[in-house]
Amino acid sequence: MTVRHQKRARKDTVEQTEGGKQVNSAIAKDIIALNKRYLLLVRQLAAQTQGRGGLILGVPSEIANQVKRMTYDEIELLAEAMIAPCFSFGFTEKTFKQFCASNTSENRHAYMTNVLLSRTK
């Protein structure tokens, strides 16, 4: 990797948020891409297997059916709001419905953070 590429890579990995916190944007972008691809895979498998495709991916059938009915834009918005890889999150039907019902990305971030923190206690 050249010096120019190293500088660009370092510059791209950190961004300022409104609160002044630094976020590793490269990792955040990777998580978004993983989540989007995973949710699209859930949707595809659910459509091809009458909703049972989620079982292959470890997703409850209720969630797979809900994802199957989502548009690409809805899936993209969900993926962008997730702070962790959704396939490791272990959504239940209840937590997924509440996450989807949150009306802003900020609320979804807060909800996911609270659920993750409650699991560490």
Protein backbone atom coordinates (compact mmCIF):
# COMPACT_ATOMS: atom_id res chain seq x y z
CA MET A 1 0.00 0.00 0.00
CA THR A 2 1.44 3.36 -0.98
CA VAL A 3 1.70 6.28 1.42
CA ARG A 4 -1.05 8.08 -0.50
CA HIS A 5 -3.37 5.07 -0.11
CA GLN A 6 -2.48 4.75 3.59
CA LYS A 7 -3.35 8.40 4.21
CA ARG A 8 -6.64 8.03 2.35
CA ALA A 9 -7.45 4.84 4.28
CA ARG A 10 -6.78 6.54 7.62
CA LYS A 11 -8.81 9.56 6.59
CA ASP A 12 -11.75 7.37 5.53
CA THR A 13 -11.86 5.32 8.71
CA VAL A 14 -12.78 8.09 11.15
CA GLU A 15 -15.59 10.58 10.90
CA GLN A 16 -16.98 13.11 13.34
CA THR A 17 -20.54 12.81 14.56
CA GLU A 18 -22.64 15.68 15.89
CA GLY A 19 -21.89 14.68 19.47
CA GLY A 20 -18.15 14.85 18.78
CA LYS A 21 -17.73 11.09 19.06
CA GLN A 22 -15.50 9.39 16.54
CA VAL A 23 -16.95 6.50 14.61
CA ASN A 24 -15.01 4.05 12.51
CA SER A 25 -16.90 4.67 9.30
CA ALA A 26 -15.22 1.85 7.37
CA ILE A 27 -16.50 -0.69 9.90
CA ALA A 28 -19.92 0.97 10.01
CA LYS A 29 -20.14 0.78 6.21
CA ASP A 30 -19.13 -2.89 6.29
CA ILE A 31 -21.82 -3.65 8.89
CA ILE A 32 -24.43 -1.86 6.77
CA ALA A 33 -23.35 -3.80 3.67
CA LEU A 34 -23.43 -7.12 5.58
CA ASN A 35 -26.86 -6.38 7.03
CA LYS A 36 -28.31 -5.30 3.70
CA ARG A 37 -27.01 -8.39 1.91
CA TYR A 38 -28.16 -10.67 4.73
CA LEU A 39 -31.67 -9.18 4.82
CA LEU A 40 -31.92 -9.45 1.03
CA LEU A 41 -30.85 -13.09 1.28
CA VAL A 42 -33.52 -13.71 3.94
CA ARG A 43 -36.10 -12.08 1.65
CA GLN A 44 -34.99 -14.14 -1.35
CA LEU A 45 -34.99 -17.45 0.53
CA ALA A 46 -38.33 -16.68 2.18
CA ALA A 47 -39.88 -15.96 -1.21
CA GLN A 48 -38.47 -19.13 -2.77
CA THR A 49 -39.38 -21.46 0.09
CA GLN A 50 -42.77 -20.11 1.20
CA GLY A 51 -41.26 -18.40 4.25
CA ARG A 52 -39.18 -21.33 5.47
CA GLY A 53 -35.93 -20.00 4.01
CA GLY A 54 -35.21 -18.06 7.16
CA LEU A 55 -34.69 -21.33 8.98
CA ILE A 56 -31.63 -21.98 6.83
CA LEU A 57 -30.21 -18.68 8.09
CA GLY A 58 -31.43 -19.08 11.66
CA VAL A 59 -34.21 -16.52 11.33
CA PRO A 60 -37.64 -17.22 12.86
CA SER A 61 -40.24 -17.75 10.13
CA GLU A 62 -42.29 -14.76 11.35
CA ILE A 63 -39.31 -12.48 10.78
CA ALA A 64 -38.50 -14.09 7.42
CA ASN A 65 -42.08 -13.49 6.29
CA GLN A 66 -41.95 -9.87 7.46
CA VAL A 67 -38.67 -9.29 5.59
CA LYS A 68 -40.16 -11.01 2.51
CA ARG A 69 -42.87 -8.30 2.39
CA MET A 70 -40.38 -5.42 2.66
CA THR A 71 -39.29 -3.29 -0.26
CA TYR A 72 -35.64 -2.83 -1.14
CA ASP A 73 -35.78 0.70 0.30
CA GLU A 74 -37.23 -0.55 3.60
CA ILE A 75 -34.49 -3.17 3.85
CA GLU A 76 -31.85 -0.56 3.09
CA LEU A 77 -33.19 1.74 5.84
CA LEU A 78 -33.18 -1.11 8.36
CA ALA A 79 -29.64 -2.12 7.41
CA GLU A 80 -28.41 1.45 7.82
CA ALA A 81 -29.97 1.70 11.28
CA MET A 82 -28.40 -1.47 12.70
CA ILE A 83 -25.35 -0.93 14.87
CA ALA A 84 -24.31 -4.58 14.83
CA PRO A 85 -24.50 -7.40 12.31
CA CYS A 86 -28.13 -8.48 12.35
CA PHE A 87 -27.28 -12.17 11.88
CA SER A 88 -25.47 -12.14 15.23
CA PHE A 89 -28.13 -10.07 16.97
CA GLY A 90 -30.56 -12.93 17.51
CA PHE A 91 -33.76 -11.04 16.82
CA THR A 92 -36.95 -12.48 18.22
CA GLU A 93 -40.25 -11.70 16.55
CA LYS A 94 -41.00 -9.16 19.30
CA THR A 95 -37.64 -7.35 19.15
CA PHE A 96 -37.69 -7.26 15.34
CA LYS A 97 -41.22 -5.79 15.27
CA GLN A 98 -40.26 -3.15 17.84
CA PHE A 99 -37.08 -2.34 15.94
CA CYS A 100 -39.02 -1.94 12.68
CA ALA A 101 -41.69 0.14 14.42
CA SER A 102 -39.12 2.72 15.52
CA ASN A 103 -39.75 5.65 13.24
CA THR A 104 -36.25 7.11 12.95
CA SER A 105 -32.75 5.80 12.50
CA GLU A 106 -31.80 7.41 15.82
CA ASN A 107 -34.60 5.54 17.62
CA ARG A 108 -33.54 2.29 15.97
CA HIS A 109 -29.93 2.81 17.06
CA ALA A 110 -31.08 3.48 20.62
CA TYR A 111 -33.38 0.46 20.67
CA MET A 112 -30.71 -1.89 19.34
CA THR A 113 -28.16 -0.51 21.80
CA ASN A 114 -30.56 -1.07 24.72
CA VAL A 115 -31.29 -4.64 23.66
CA LEU A 116 -27.59 -5.42 23.24
CA LEU A 117 -26.73 -3.87 26.61
CA SER A 118 -29.53 -5.75 28.37
CA ARG A 119 -28.04 -9.02 27.13
CA THR A 120 -24.64 -8.27 28.67
CA LYS A 121 -25.98 -7.99 32.21
